[in-house]
Amino acid sequence: QVHIVESGGGLGQPGGSLRLSCAASGLTFSMYAMGWYRQAPGNERELVAAITSGGSTNYADSVKGRFTISRDNLKNTVFLQMNSLNPEDTAVYYCNANRGNWGLDFWGQGTQVTVSS
């Protein structure tokens, strides 16, 4: 059974940093593209950052230069380093594991990030 578990959310200060972690089990982690998505109240879920099985990354324009996605295939974990936080980053952040050519797609339960002074 696949489990995707996010951690590291909470309250961040404007201009501050938070680091999210996503631990995956029950799958061949290295074969999956991993992504971080977020959903703010009243908004649709949007892609924040993604990293392929080969390590290529892409980012939403709103977080480029501020957020960094990385993965540790030995620990089956993907990270999202979030710097220069602003209140617009407030959302529930979800981790996604995708192996599209196999039709496999898994989601975590989400972790709340609130940016406020």
C-alpha atoms as a PDB file:
ATOM      1  CA  GLN A   1       0.000   0.000   0.000  1.00  0.00           C
ATOM      2  CA  VAL A   2       1.275   3.434  -0.953  1.00  0.00           C
ATOM      3  CA  HIS A   3       1.638   6.103   1.710  1.00  0.00           C
ATOM      4  CA  ILE A   4       2.504   9.732   1.034  1.00  0.00           C
ATOM      5  CA  VAL A   5       3.041  11.786   4.188  1.00  0.00           C
ATOM      6  CA  GLU A   6       3.843  15.498   4.296  1.00  0.00           C
ATOM      7  CA  SER A   7       5.397  17.277   7.243  1.00  0.00           C
ATOM      8  CA  GLY A   8       6.982  20.593   8.092  1.00  0.00           C
ATOM      9  CA  GLY A   9       4.067  22.952   7.643  1.00  0.00           C
ATOM     10  CA  GLY A  10       3.039  25.533  10.175  1.00  0.00           C
ATOM     11  CA  LEU A  11       3.273  29.254  10.756  1.00  0.00           C
ATOM     12  CA  GLY A  12       5.920  31.200   8.886  1.00  0.00           C
ATOM     13  CA  GLN A  13       6.867  34.853   9.090  1.00  0.00           C
ATOM     14  CA  PRO A  14       6.801  37.084   6.019  1.00  0.00           C
ATOM     15  CA  GLY A  15      10.313  36.990   4.607  1.00  0.00           C
ATOM     16  CA  GLY A  16      11.043  33.822   6.542  1.00  0.00           C
ATOM     17  CA  SER A  17      11.570  30.210   5.569  1.00  0.00           C
ATOM     18  CA  LEU A  18       9.942  26.835   5.988  1.00  0.00           C
ATOM     19  CA  ARG A  19      10.980  23.409   4.766  1.00  0.00           C
ATOM     20  CA  LEU A  20       8.421  20.810   3.807  1.00  0.00           C
ATOM     21  CA  SER A  21       9.174  17.102   3.629  1.00  0.00           C
ATOM     22  CA  CYS A  22       7.260  14.336   1.934  1.00  0.00           C
ATOM     23  CA  ALA A  23       8.008  10.728   2.772  1.00  0.00           C
ATOM     24  CA  ALA A  24       6.784   8.059   0.382  1.00  0.00           C
ATOM     25  CA  SER A  25       6.492   4.328   0.968  1.00  0.00           C
ATOM     26  CA  GLY A  26       5.042   1.365  -0.840  1.00  0.00           C
ATOM     27  CA  LEU A  27       6.345   2.436  -4.231  1.00  0.00           C
ATOM     28  CA  THR A  28       9.565   2.473  -6.220  1.00  0.00           C
ATOM     29  CA  PHE A  29      10.283   6.071  -5.323  1.00  0.00           C
ATOM     30  CA  SER A  30      13.126   6.660  -7.763  1.00  0.00           C
ATOM     31  CA  MET A  31      10.834   5.895 -10.702  1.00  0.00           C
ATOM     32  CA  TYR A  32       8.294   8.578  -9.810  1.00  0.00           C
ATOM     33  CA  ALA A  33       8.083  12.236 -10.654  1.00  0.00           C
ATOM     34  CA  MET A  34       7.333  14.120  -7.450  1.00  0.00           C
ATOM     35  CA  GLY A  35       5.474  17.358  -7.114  1.00  0.00           C
ATOM     36  CA  TRP A  36       4.320  19.887  -4.578  1.00  0.00           C
ATOM     37  CA  TYR A  37       0.929  21.469  -5.123  1.00  0.00           C
ATOM     38  CA  ARG A  38      -0.980  23.973  -3.049  1.00  0.00           C
ATOM     39  CA  GLN A  39      -4.565  25.029  -2.617  1.00  0.00           C
ATOM     40  CA  ALA A  40      -5.678  28.220  -0.939  1.00  0.00           C
ATOM     41  CA  PRO A  41      -9.300  28.726   0.175  1.00  0.00           C
ATOM     42  CA  GLY A  42     -11.508  29.448  -2.810  1.00  0.00           C
ATOM     43  CA  ASN A  43      -8.755  28.596  -5.280  1.00  0.00           C
ATOM     44  CA  GLU A  44      -8.003  25.591  -7.399  1.00  0.00           C
ATOM     45  CA  ARG A  45      -5.098  23.334  -6.574  1.00  0.00           C
ATOM     46  CA  GLU A  46      -2.003  24.540  -8.409  1.00  0.00           C
ATOM     47  CA  LEU A  47       1.418  23.126  -9.126  1.00  0.00           C
ATOM     48  CA  VAL A  48       4.162  24.758  -7.074  1.00  0.00           C
ATOM     49  CA  ALA A  49       7.209  22.705  -8.034  1.00  0.00           C
ATOM     50  CA  ALA A  50       8.018  19.340  -9.558  1.00  0.00           C
ATOM     51  CA  ILE A  51      11.049  17.120  -9.953  1.00  0.00           C
ATOM     52  CA  THR A  52      11.341  14.264 -12.394  1.00  0.00           C
ATOM     53  CA  SER A  53      12.838  10.862 -11.682  1.00  0.00           C
ATOM     54  CA  GLY A  54      15.958  12.160 -13.409  1.00  0.00           C
ATOM     55  CA  GLY A  55      16.170  15.258 -11.255  1.00  0.00           C
ATOM     56  CA  SER A  56      14.895  17.922 -13.651  1.00  0.00           C
ATOM     57  CA  THR A  57      12.844  20.596 -11.931  1.00  0.00           C
ATOM     58  CA  ASN A  58      10.203  23.128 -12.811  1.00  0.00           C
ATOM     59  CA  TYR A  59       8.490  25.818 -10.781  1.00  0.00           C
ATOM     60  CA  ALA A  60       5.454  28.017 -10.847  1.00  0.00           C
ATOM     61  CA  ASP A  61       6.377  31.568 -11.806  1.00  0.00           C
ATOM     62  CA  SER A  62       5.158  32.807  -8.440  1.00  0.00           C
ATOM     63  CA  VAL A  63       7.801  30.809  -6.540  1.00  0.00           C
ATOM     64  CA  LYS A  64      10.770  30.866  -8.901  1.00  0.00           C
ATOM     65  CA  GLY A  65      13.881  32.040  -7.113  1.00  0.00           C
ATOM     66  CA  ARG A  66      12.261  31.536  -3.698  1.00  0.00           C
ATOM     67  CA  PHE A  67      11.389  27.833  -3.492  1.00  0.00           C
ATOM     68  CA  THR A  68      13.610  24.835  -4.191  1.00  0.00           C
ATOM     69  CA  ILE A  69      12.469  21.266  -4.691  1.00  0.00           C
ATOM     70  CA  SER A  70      14.862  18.382  -4.128  1.00  0.00           C
ATOM     71  CA  ARG A  71      14.709  14.644  -3.611  1.00  0.00           C
ATOM     72  CA  ASP A  72      16.625  11.979  -1.730  1.00  0.00           C
ATOM     73  CA  ASN A  73      16.019   8.643  -3.410  1.00  0.00           C
ATOM     74  CA  LEU A  74      17.799   6.766  -0.625  1.00  0.00           C
ATOM     75  CA  LYS A  75      15.333   8.134   1.926  1.00  0.00           C
ATOM     76  CA  ASN A  76      12.291   8.089  -0.393  1.00  0.00           C
ATOM     77  CA  THR A  77      11.745  11.737   0.469  1.00  0.00           C
ATOM     78  CA  VAL A  78      11.138  14.939  -1.449  1.00  0.00           C
ATOM     79  CA  PHE A  79      11.660  18.379   0.043  1.00  0.00           C
ATOM     80  CA  LEU A  80      10.407  21.864  -0.622  1.00  0.00           C
ATOM     81  CA  GLN A  81      12.594  24.635   0.747  1.00  0.00           C
ATOM     82  CA  MET A  82      10.526  27.796   0.895  1.00  0.00           C
ATOM     83  CA  ASN A  83      12.350  31.109   1.371  1.00  0.00           C
ATOM     84  CA  SER A  84      11.200  34.719   1.282  1.00  0.00           C
ATOM     85  CA  LEU A  85       7.720  33.666   2.268  1.00  0.00           C
ATOM     86  CA  ASN A  86       4.835  36.033   1.722  1.00  0.00           C
ATOM     87  CA  PRO A  87       1.181  35.859   2.809  1.00  0.00           C
ATOM     88  CA  GLU A  88       0.162  34.723  -0.691  1.00  0.00           C
ATOM     89  CA  ASP A  89       2.012  31.464  -0.009  1.00  0.00           C
ATOM     90  CA  THR A  90      -0.597  30.564   2.600  1.00  0.00           C
ATOM     91  CA  ALA A  91      -2.275  27.344   1.512  1.00  0.00           C
ATOM     92  CA  VAL A  92      -2.533  23.636   2.114  1.00  0.00           C
ATOM     93  CA  TYR A  93       0.481  22.037   0.455  1.00  0.00           C
ATOM     94  CA  TYR A  94       0.108  18.586  -1.062  1.00  0.00           C
ATOM     95  CA  CYS A  95       2.725  16.115  -2.180  1.00  0.00           C
ATOM     96  CA  ASN A  96       2.142  14.102  -5.334  1.00  0.00           C
ATOM     97  CA  ALA A  97       3.849  11.025  -6.726  1.00  0.00           C
ATOM     98  CA  ASN A  98       3.251  10.380 -10.394  1.00  0.00           C
ATOM     99  CA  ARG A  99       4.286   7.728 -12.817  1.00  0.00           C
ATOM    100  CA  GLY A 100       2.182   8.877 -15.703  1.00  0.00           C
ATOM    101  CA  ASN A 101       3.126   6.272 -18.278  1.00  0.00           C
ATOM    102  CA  TRP A 102       1.910   3.617 -15.832  1.00  0.00           C
ATOM    103  CA  GLY A 103      -1.233   5.528 -14.852  1.00  0.00           C
ATOM    104  CA  LEU A 104      -0.081   5.775 -11.247  1.00  0.00           C
ATOM    105  CA  ASP A 105      -0.813   8.893  -9.229  1.00  0.00           C
ATOM    106  CA  PHE A 106      -0.784   9.253  -5.443  1.00  0.00           C
ATOM    107  CA  TRP A 107      -1.461  12.161  -3.087  1.00  0.00           C
ATOM    108  CA  GLY A 108      -0.666  12.977   0.501  1.00  0.00           C
ATOM    109  CA  GLN A 109      -3.165  14.381   2.951  1.00  0.00           C
ATOM    110  CA  GLY A 110      -1.686  17.883   2.850  1.00  0.00           C
ATOM    111  CA  THR A 111       0.029  20.160   5.333  1.00  0.00           C
ATOM    112  CA  GLN A 112      -1.079  23.675   6.195  1.00  0.00           C
ATOM    113  CA  VAL A 113       1.310  26.560   5.629  1.00  0.00           C
ATOM    114  CA  THR A 114       0.292  29.922   7.016  1.00  0.00           C
ATOM    115  CA  VAL A 115       2.400  33.014   6.437  1.00  0.00           C
ATOM    116  CA  SER A 116       1.524  35.801   8.791  1.00  0.00           C
ATOM    117  CA  SER A 117       3.131  38.250  11.170  1.00  0.00           C
END
